[in-house]
Amino acid sequence: MNIILKSAKVIDSTSPFNNQVVDIHVKNGKIEKIAASITEADATVVQLDHLSVSPGWFDTSVSFGEPGYEERETLVHGLEVAAKSGFTQVAIESNNNPITDNQSIVSFIKQRAFGQTTEAFPIGALTVKSEGTDLAELYDMKNAGAVAFGDYKKAIDNANVLKIALQYVQDFDGLILAFSQDKSIKGKGVAHEGVTSTTLGLKGIPPLAEELQVARNLFLLEYTGGKMHIPTISTAKSVELIREAKAKGLQVTCSVAVHQLVLTDAKLTEFDSRHKVSPPLRDEATRQALLQGVLDHTIDCITTDHTPLDIEHKKLEFDMATSGTIGLESAFGALNTVLPIEIIIQKLTAGRAIYGVPTASIQEGNEANLSLFSTEGTWTFTKENILSKSKNSAFLGTAMQGTVYGAIRLDKQTFNF
């Protein structure tokens, strides 16, 4: 690779070139030079409208299906979608078939993803088959390349299992993911409990279902020590609880999904199952509280929570449909309508520190790990903008701002222009 990115605005608070418009020379997988103007006869020049460059984005929660659900998405194609969407690294959830609960499947994912622009980091299941009973092979999976351990979208009902897990992983600096939703409180709920669900006759999921679990999990963390990440929180009280836990000095981090920051349960009036997600879309007041949690850094990072689903599981009556939305393609354009660009970049890269992945910075001599985009221009997300094999996007018809041009990592590049 020998590329010169012309007239690129650097958005990277860790770089001495932050907020400057410069040329960036990327050669043999490294940032060779950054200057006001660079010329080299053998280099390929990339000159794009309103080009901005940031450290490559890292998504902390992506599902691709393979192995087992290749009809939803494959690893190679999914990683290509991620690269075209600006993500240079993604953490892949354990909800495959078989579940990623042993080192063999972790190794398979790493090997299958090798050589792609976007690097894959497997998340190991916390318990065998994600059944919540017996701890999986955590240490072996860590040695094979797993960056964290959690049962995707499943709370650990047995508090002692979570307690033992938090204690056990401290010996090798492991990270526990604690999805927080009380099954008994959720019951048969399918939507946020509020005015909209009552008006539409949908069974509600009260915020309490999440908050009880968040509170319990934080008590366990305070007792055991260790590191806990609470993914995809969705209520104002959850933000408060985590803020208080951080003030106590607990090693807790959390994420929020893009759709929780942009969409609300007002979308449910058409009973469109594309808007059925877990946790559910909340009301406008909650969306504002989550945005505030991002701005004051209580919420550490933003995830797409990308979950491809085939038509047999998604195009059903609202009550019967499976929860989940794809989100890689729409993430940047959606976030750019509700948050400042500096915050977006910070929250799309903060996951590296949480998951123990080396950080990226735009400086001469560093390995190339770059996302390319423009913050300019408004448009509407349609089916033509979906790159994934599955089409279950909650963002169809949503106003977007800005364009993603692609990603560069080491000597690999994937462009979307």
Protein backbone atom coordinates (compact mmCIF):
# COMPACT_ATOMS: atom_id res chain seq x y z
CA MET A 1 0.00 0.00 0.00
CA ASN A 2 1.20 3.48 -0.89
CA ILE A 3 -1.54 6.09 -0.47
CA ILE A 4 -1.70 9.83 0.11
CA LEU A 5 -4.89 11.14 1.68
CA LYS A 6 -5.15 14.71 0.43
CA SER A 7 -6.58 17.62 2.44
CA ALA A 8 -7.88 15.48 5.28
CA LYS A 9 -9.14 17.03 8.50
CA VAL A 10 -7.74 15.09 11.45
CA ILE A 11 -10.20 14.42 14.27
CA ASP A 12 -8.14 12.80 17.02
CA SER A 13 -7.67 14.37 20.45
CA THR A 14 -4.49 12.30 20.95
CA SER A 15 -2.82 13.58 17.77
CA PRO A 16 -0.65 16.72 17.48
CA PHE A 17 -2.49 17.32 14.18
CA ASN A 18 -5.97 17.37 15.76
CA ASN A 19 -8.39 19.66 13.86
CA GLN A 20 -5.76 20.43 11.20
CA VAL A 21 -6.25 19.86 7.46
CA VAL A 22 -3.22 17.90 6.24
CA ASP A 23 -1.98 15.29 3.78
CA ILE A 24 -1.42 11.83 5.24
CA HIS A 25 0.99 9.40 3.57
CA VAL A 26 0.29 5.74 4.36
CA LYS A 27 2.92 3.29 3.15
CA ASN A 28 3.52 -0.37 3.97
CA GLY A 29 0.93 -0.34 6.74
CA LYS A 30 2.28 2.72 8.58
CA ILE A 31 1.65 6.43 8.68
CA GLU A 32 4.81 7.52 6.89
CA LYS A 33 4.32 11.28 6.97
CA ILE A 34 1.81 13.98 7.89
CA ALA A 35 2.29 17.45 6.43
CA ALA A 36 0.49 20.38 4.86
CA SER A 37 1.31 19.00 1.41
CA ILE A 38 2.86 15.70 0.35
CA THR A 39 3.85 14.59 -3.14
CA GLU A 40 5.24 11.20 -4.16
CA ALA A 41 5.27 9.93 -7.72
CA ASP A 42 4.48 6.29 -6.90
CA ALA A 43 1.66 6.96 -4.42
CA THR A 44 -2.05 6.65 -5.13
CA VAL A 45 -3.75 9.94 -4.34
CA VAL A 46 -7.11 9.82 -2.55
CA GLN A 47 -8.90 13.16 -2.71
CA LEU A 48 -12.49 13.26 -1.45
CA ASP A 49 -15.00 16.00 -0.70
CA HIS A 50 -14.80 17.31 2.88
CA LEU A 51 -12.57 14.38 3.89
CA SER A 52 -12.07 13.82 7.62
CA VAL A 53 -9.88 11.13 9.16
CA SER A 54 -10.01 9.71 12.68
CA PRO A 55 -8.51 6.73 14.49
CA GLY A 56 -10.28 3.61 13.23
CA TRP A 57 -13.61 2.93 14.88
CA PHE A 58 -14.01 -0.05 17.22
CA ASP A 59 -17.45 -1.63 17.69
CA THR A 60 -17.87 -3.48 20.98
CA SER A 61 -20.88 -5.59 19.94
CA VAL A 62 -21.38 -7.13 16.50
CA SER A 63 -23.10 -10.38 15.51
CA PHE A 64 -22.36 -12.06 12.18
CA GLY A 65 -23.94 -15.51 12.56
CA GLU A 66 -21.05 -17.63 11.28
CA PRO A 67 -20.57 -20.38 12.26
CA GLY A 68 -24.10 -21.76 12.06
CA TYR A 69 -26.21 -18.89 10.77
CA GLU A 70 -24.47 -18.02 7.52
CA GLU A 71 -27.84 -17.22 5.92
CA ARG A 72 -27.91 -14.14 8.17
CA GLU A 73 -24.32 -13.07 7.59
CA THR A 74 -20.88 -14.56 7.04
CA LEU A 75 -17.71 -13.44 8.76
CA VAL A 76 -15.91 -12.32 5.62
CA HIS A 77 -18.85 -10.40 4.16
CA GLY A 78 -19.75 -8.96 7.55
CA LEU A 79 -16.23 -7.65 8.03
CA GLU A 80 -16.35 -6.10 4.58
CA VAL A 81 -19.58 -4.33 5.56
CA ALA A 82 -17.90 -3.13 8.75
CA ALA A 83 -14.93 -1.74 6.82
CA LYS A 84 -17.15 0.07 4.32
CA SER A 85 -19.00 1.49 7.33
CA GLY A 86 -15.76 2.89 8.79
CA PHE A 87 -15.00 0.25 11.43
CA THR A 88 -11.45 -1.11 11.51
CA GLN A 89 -12.00 -3.49 14.45
CA VAL A 90 -15.07 -5.20 15.90
CA ALA A 91 -15.80 -7.46 18.86
CA ILE A 92 -17.89 -10.41 17.69
CA GLU A 93 -20.59 -11.75 19.99
CA SER A 94 -20.82 -15.40 20.98
CA ASN A 95 -24.35 -16.08 19.62
CA ASN A 96 -23.33 -18.47 16.86
CA ASN A 97 -24.27 -22.11 16.42
CA PRO A 98 -22.41 -23.62 18.18
CA ILE A 99 -22.04 -20.92 20.81
CA THR A 100 -18.52 -19.52 21.18
CA ASP A 101 -17.87 -21.24 24.51
CA ASN A 102 -14.51 -22.92 23.82
CA GLN A 103 -11.11 -22.13 22.35
CA SER A 104 -11.76 -24.03 19.11
CA ILE A 105 -14.53 -21.66 18.03
CA VAL A 106 -12.52 -18.61 19.11
CA SER A 107 -9.65 -19.86 16.95
CA PHE A 108 -12.00 -20.56 14.05
CA ILE A 109 -13.32 -16.98 14.10
CA LYS A 110 -9.81 -15.53 14.29
CA GLN A 111 -8.58 -17.68 11.41
CA ARG A 112 -11.68 -17.10 9.26
CA ALA A 113 -11.36 -13.34 9.71
CA PHE A 114 -7.62 -13.19 9.06
CA GLY A 115 -6.48 -10.87 6.29
CA GLN A 116 -9.52 -8.58 6.29
CA THR A 117 -9.37 -4.80 6.57
CA THR A 118 -11.52 -5.00 9.68
CA GLU A 119 -9.98 -7.06 12.49
CA ALA A 120 -12.20 -9.42 14.48
CA PHE A 121 -11.99 -9.91 18.25
CA PRO A 122 -14.16 -12.80 19.48
CA ILE A 123 -16.18 -12.50 22.69
CA GLY A 124 -16.40 -15.80 24.53
CA ALA A 125 -19.59 -16.99 26.16
CA LEU A 126 -19.51 -16.67 29.93
CA THR A 127 -21.29 -19.98 30.50
CA VAL A 128 -21.45 -23.28 28.63
CA LYS A 129 -23.90 -22.92 25.71
CA SER A 130 -24.87 -19.56 27.26
CA GLU A 131 -27.24 -21.45 29.52
CA GLY A 132 -26.22 -19.55 32.65
CA THR A 133 -25.28 -22.61 34.70
CA ASP A 134 -21.61 -23.60 34.35
CA LEU A 135 -18.70 -21.32 33.50
CA ALA A 136 -17.25 -21.87 30.03
CA GLU A 137 -13.53 -22.36 29.27
CA LEU A 138 -12.70 -18.74 30.05
CA TYR A 139 -8.93 -19.01 30.48
CA ASP A 140 -8.48 -21.19 27.40
CA MET A 141 -10.60 -18.79 25.33
CA LYS A 142 -8.57 -15.86 26.61
CA ASN A 143 -5.37 -17.56 25.44
CA ALA A 144 -6.99 -18.25 22.06
CA GLY A 145 -7.84 -14.56 21.57
CA ALA A 146 -11.16 -13.83 23.31
CA VAL A 147 -11.25 -10.25 24.61
CA ALA A 148 -14.22 -10.55 27.01
CA PHE A 149 -16.82 -13.01 28.29
CA GLY A 150 -20.58 -12.67 28.24
CA ASP A 151 -23.77 -14.47 27.27
CA TYR A 152 -25.24 -12.32 24.50
CA LYS A 153 -28.56 -10.70 25.49
CA LYS A 154 -28.86 -13.09 28.43
CA ALA A 155 -28.66 -11.99 32.03
CA ILE A 156 -27.01 -14.35 34.51
CA ASP A 157 -29.93 -15.19 36.80
CA ASN A 158 -27.73 -17.09 39.24
CA ALA A 159 -25.90 -14.38 41.15
CA ASN A 160 -23.33 -16.86 42.46
CA VAL A 161 -22.27 -17.80 38.93
CA LEU A 162 -21.58 -14.15 38.15
CA LYS A 163 -19.80 -13.70 41.49
CA ILE A 164 -17.49 -16.65 40.84
CA ALA A 165 -16.82 -15.46 37.28
CA LEU A 166 -15.80 -12.00 38.48
CA GLN A 167 -13.43 -13.55 41.00
CA TYR A 168 -11.99 -16.13 38.62
CA VAL A 169 -11.07 -13.83 35.72
CA GLN A 170 -9.07 -11.49 37.93
CA ASP A 171 -6.18 -13.97 37.76
CA PHE A 172 -5.75 -13.14 34.04
CA ASP A 173 -7.24 -9.63 33.92
CA GLY A 174 -10.44 -10.80 32.22
CA LEU A 175 -13.46 -8.64 31.45
CA ILE A 176 -17.00 -9.77 32.27
CA LEU A 177 -19.95 -8.53 30.21
CA ALA A 178 -23.11 -8.37 32.28
CA PHE A 179 -26.20 -7.86 30.13
CA SER A 180 -28.80 -6.61 32.56
CA GLN A 181 -32.46 -7.54 32.21
CA ASP A 182 -34.55 -9.33 34.83
CA LYS A 183 -36.53 -12.05 33.02
CA SER A 184 -39.24 -12.24 35.67
CA ILE A 185 -39.91 -8.50 35.47
CA LYS A 186 -39.72 -8.45 31.67
CA GLY A 187 -42.14 -11.35 31.43
CA LYS A 188 -43.76 -11.43 28.00
CA GLY A 189 -43.09 -7.75 27.38
CA VAL A 190 -42.09 -6.67 23.88
CA ALA A 191 -41.92 -2.87 24.11
CA HIS A 192 -41.05 -0.10 26.55
CA GLU A 193 -43.72 0.16 29.23
CA GLY A 194 -45.28 3.57 28.74
CA VAL A 195 -47.88 5.59 26.90
CA THR A 196 -47.05 4.12 23.50
CA SER A 197 -47.19 0.47 24.56
CA THR A 198 -50.44 1.08 26.44
CA THR A 199 -52.00 2.88 23.47
CA LEU A 200 -50.95 0.14 21.05
CA GLY A 201 -51.90 -2.73 23.35
CA LEU A 202 -48.35 -4.11 23.48
CA LYS A 203 -47.08 -5.83 26.62
CA GLY A 204 -44.62 -3.50 28.32
CA ILE A 205 -41.09 -3.97 29.62
CA PRO A 206 -40.59 -1.53 32.50
CA PRO A 207 -37.21 0.17 32.99
CA LEU A 208 -37.18 -1.63 36.35
CA ALA A 209 -36.37 -4.89 34.54
CA GLU A 210 -33.00 -3.44 33.59
CA GLU A 211 -32.35 -1.35 36.67
CA LEU A 212 -32.81 -4.20 39.15
CA GLN A 213 -30.18 -6.23 37.32
CA VAL A 214 -27.79 -3.29 36.98
CA ALA A 215 -28.05 -2.63 40.72
CA ARG A 216 -27.50 -6.30 41.60
CA ASN A 217 -24.57 -6.65 39.24
CA LEU A 218 -22.92 -3.53 40.63
CA PHE A 219 -23.32 -4.88 44.18
CA LEU A 220 -21.61 -8.09 43.07
CA LEU A 221 -18.79 -6.12 41.47
CA GLU A 222 -18.31 -4.10 44.65
CA TYR A 223 -18.06 -7.35 46.61
CA THR A 224 -15.70 -9.21 44.27
CA GLY A 225 -13.61 -6.55 42.57
CA GLY A 226 -12.56 -7.13 38.99
CA LYS A 227 -13.79 -5.52 35.78
CA MET A 228 -17.36 -5.41 34.49
CA HIS A 229 -18.81 -3.97 31.31
CA ILE A 230 -22.58 -3.47 31.16
CA PRO A 231 -23.57 -3.45 27.47
CA THR A 232 -26.43 -1.57 25.82
CA ILE A 233 -27.99 0.17 28.80
CA SER A 234 -31.28 1.89 28.02
CA THR A 235 -32.68 3.74 31.04
CA ALA A 236 -31.99 6.97 32.91
CA LYS A 237 -31.74 5.16 36.25
CA SER A 238 -29.13 2.78 34.83
CA VAL A 239 -27.02 5.81 33.93
CA GLU A 240 -27.38 7.12 37.49
CA LEU A 241 -26.47 3.78 39.06
CA ILE A 242 -23.35 3.43 36.93
CA ARG A 243 -22.36 7.04 37.61
CA GLU A 244 -22.57 6.35 41.36
CA ALA A 245 -20.58 3.12 41.00
CA LYS A 246 -17.81 4.92 39.14
CA ALA A 247 -17.70 7.56 41.87
CA LYS A 248 -17.06 4.72 44.34
CA GLY A 249 -14.07 3.62 42.27
CA LEU A 250 -15.56 0.43 40.84
CA GLN A 251 -14.07 -0.79 37.56
CA VAL A 252 -17.30 -0.61 35.61
CA THR A 253 -17.89 0.56 32.06
CA CYS A 254 -20.98 0.60 29.90
CA SER A 255 -22.20 1.10 26.35
CA VAL A 256 -25.34 2.32 24.63
CA ALA A 257 -26.63 1.28 21.21
CA VAL A 258 -26.89 3.82 18.40
CA HIS A 259 -30.63 3.21 18.00
CA GLN A 260 -31.28 4.11 21.65
CA LEU A 261 -29.71 7.54 21.04
CA VAL A 262 -31.59 8.28 17.83
CA LEU A 263 -34.94 6.45 17.85
CA THR A 264 -37.80 6.21 20.37
CA ASP A 265 -40.80 3.98 20.96
CA ALA A 266 -42.85 6.42 18.88
CA LYS A 267 -41.58 4.31 15.95
CA LEU A 268 -43.75 1.40 17.11
CA THR A 269 -47.04 2.92 15.92
CA GLU A 270 -46.75 1.00 12.63
CA PHE A 271 -46.10 -2.32 14.46
CA ASP A 272 -43.00 -2.72 12.26
CA SER A 273 -40.89 -5.50 13.77
CA ARG A 274 -37.71 -3.83 12.47
CA HIS A 275 -38.05 -1.61 15.53
CA LYS A 276 -38.20 -4.52 17.95
CA VAL A 277 -34.86 -4.53 19.77
CA SER A 278 -33.50 -5.65 23.13
CA PRO A 279 -33.55 -3.68 25.33
CA PRO A 280 -36.55 -1.94 23.78
CA LEU A 281 -36.64 1.55 22.32
CA ARG A 282 -37.57 3.90 25.16
CA ASP A 283 -39.38 7.26 25.26
CA GLU A 284 -38.01 10.69 24.37
CA ALA A 285 -37.16 11.65 27.96
CA THR A 286 -35.05 8.51 28.29
CA ARG A 287 -33.32 9.16 24.97
CA GLN A 288 -32.32 12.60 26.21
CA ALA A 289 -31.01 11.12 29.48
CA LEU A 290 -28.90 8.62 27.52
CA LEU A 291 -27.50 11.41 25.35
CA GLN A 292 -26.57 13.30 28.51
CA GLY A 293 -24.89 10.17 29.85
CA VAL A 294 -22.78 10.07 26.69
CA LEU A 295 -21.90 13.76 26.93
CA ASP A 296 -20.83 13.58 30.59
CA HIS A 297 -18.88 10.34 29.88
CA THR A 298 -20.84 8.14 32.27
CA ILE A 299 -21.53 6.05 29.17
CA ASP A 300 -18.11 4.99 27.94
CA CYS A 301 -18.76 3.91 24.39
CA ILE A 302 -21.38 3.59 21.66
CA THR A 303 -22.06 0.33 19.82
CA THR A 304 -24.09 -0.52 16.74
CA ASP A 305 -25.24 -3.76 18.42
CA HIS A 306 -25.36 -5.02 14.83
CA THR A 307 -27.63 -8.12 14.72
CA PRO A 308 -28.48 -9.52 11.28
CA LEU A 309 -31.64 -11.65 11.23
CA ASP A 310 -33.22 -13.57 8.36
CA ILE A 311 -36.72 -12.79 7.17
CA GLU A 312 -38.19 -15.88 8.84
CA HIS A 313 -37.27 -14.49 12.25
CA LYS A 314 -37.98 -10.82 11.63
CA LYS A 315 -40.91 -10.36 9.24
CA LEU A 316 -43.54 -11.61 11.67
CA GLU A 317 -46.19 -10.20 13.96
CA PHE A 318 -44.51 -7.82 16.41
CA ASP A 319 -45.02 -10.16 19.38
CA MET A 320 -43.49 -13.12 17.53
CA ALA A 321 -40.52 -11.44 15.84
CA THR A 322 -36.96 -11.80 17.13
CA SER A 323 -35.37 -8.68 18.62
CA GLY A 324 -32.46 -7.05 16.82
CA THR A 325 -31.40 -4.62 14.10
CA ILE A 326 -28.42 -4.26 11.82
CA GLY A 327 -26.55 -1.03 12.47
CA LEU A 328 -23.07 -0.83 10.95
CA GLU A 329 -24.07 0.99 7.75
CA SER A 330 -26.23 3.56 9.51
CA ALA A 331 -24.17 4.18 12.66
CA PHE A 332 -22.15 7.24 11.71
CA GLY A 333 -24.85 9.01 9.72
CA ALA A 334 -27.36 8.54 12.55
CA LEU A 335 -25.01 9.62 15.34
CA ASN A 336 -23.98 12.69 13.37
CA THR A 337 -27.54 14.01 13.72
CA VAL A 338 -27.53 13.97 17.53
CA LEU A 339 -23.95 14.37 18.83
CA PRO A 340 -20.87 16.55 18.20
CA ILE A 341 -18.31 14.91 15.94
CA GLU A 342 -15.58 14.92 18.62
CA ILE A 343 -17.85 12.97 20.98
CA ILE A 344 -18.83 10.53 18.24
CA ILE A 345 -15.20 9.70 17.48
CA GLN A 346 -14.29 9.40 21.16
CA LYS A 347 -17.19 7.01 21.82
CA LEU A 348 -16.55 4.94 18.69
CA THR A 349 -12.92 4.38 19.70
CA ALA A 350 -13.13 4.12 23.52
CA GLY A 351 -13.92 0.42 23.39
CA ARG A 352 -10.28 -0.46 22.75
CA ALA A 353 -9.23 0.54 26.25
CA ILE A 354 -12.16 -1.39 27.74
CA TYR A 355 -11.48 -4.59 25.80
CA GLY A 356 -7.69 -4.45 26.15
CA VAL A 357 -7.01 -3.74 22.48
CA PRO A 358 -4.05 -1.47 21.58
CA THR A 359 -5.10 2.13 21.02
CA ALA A 360 -4.84 3.94 17.69
CA SER A 361 -3.58 7.48 17.11
CA ILE A 362 -2.87 9.53 14.01
CA GLN A 363 0.84 10.20 14.36
CA GLU A 364 3.86 9.64 12.14
CA GLY A 365 5.37 6.19 12.58
CA ASN A 366 2.21 4.63 13.97
CA GLU A 367 0.47 1.69 12.35
CA ALA A 368 -2.29 2.78 10.00
CA ASN A 369 -5.69 2.41 11.67
CA LEU A 370 -7.95 5.01 10.08
CA SER A 371 -11.61 5.73 9.41
CA LEU A 372 -12.41 8.00 6.47
CA PHE A 373 -15.61 10.07 6.37
CA SER A 374 -17.28 13.40 5.76
CA THR A 375 -19.51 15.20 8.24
CA GLU A 376 -21.26 17.14 5.46
CA GLY A 377 -24.48 16.44 3.59
CA THR A 378 -27.92 15.18 4.61
CA TRP A 379 -29.76 12.18 3.19
CA THR A 380 -32.27 9.46 4.08
CA PHE A 381 -31.32 5.85 4.81
CA THR A 382 -33.01 3.43 2.38
CA LYS A 383 -32.70 -0.23 1.39
CA GLU A 384 -30.17 0.79 -1.25
CA ASN A 385 -27.83 1.84 1.56
CA ILE A 386 -27.91 -1.59 3.23
CA LEU A 387 -24.73 -3.57 2.59
CA SER A 388 -25.48 -6.51 4.92
CA LYS A 389 -26.98 -9.80 3.74
CA SER A 390 -29.85 -9.29 6.18
CA LYS A 391 -32.03 -6.22 5.71
CA ASN A 392 -33.54 -5.83 9.19
CA SER A 393 -32.61 -2.18 9.75
CA ALA A 394 -34.53 -0.07 12.24
CA PHE A 395 -33.14 3.02 10.48
CA LEU A 396 -34.97 2.75 7.15
CA GLY A 397 -36.47 6.15 6.41
CA THR A 398 -34.30 7.89 9.02
CA ALA A 399 -32.55 11.19 8.28
CA MET A 400 -28.75 10.92 8.17
CA GLN A 401 -25.91 13.39 8.05
CA GLY A 402 -22.41 12.79 6.67
CA THR A 403 -20.85 10.03 4.60
CA VAL A 404 -18.46 7.17 5.39
CA TYR A 405 -15.74 6.66 2.77
CA GLY A 406 -14.21 3.51 4.25
CA ALA A 407 -11.31 2.28 6.37
CA ILE A 408 -7.57 1.62 6.28
CA ARG A 409 -5.80 -0.79 8.65
CA LEU A 410 -2.16 -1.78 8.24
CA ASP A 411 -1.69 -2.67 4.56
CA LYS A 412 -5.42 -3.28 3.94
CA GLN A 413 -7.99 -0.85 2.66
CA THR A 414 -11.71 -0.97 1.93
CA PHE A 415 -13.38 2.04 0.37
CA ASN A 416 -17.06 2.81 -0.12
CA PHE A 417 -16.83 5.21 -3.05
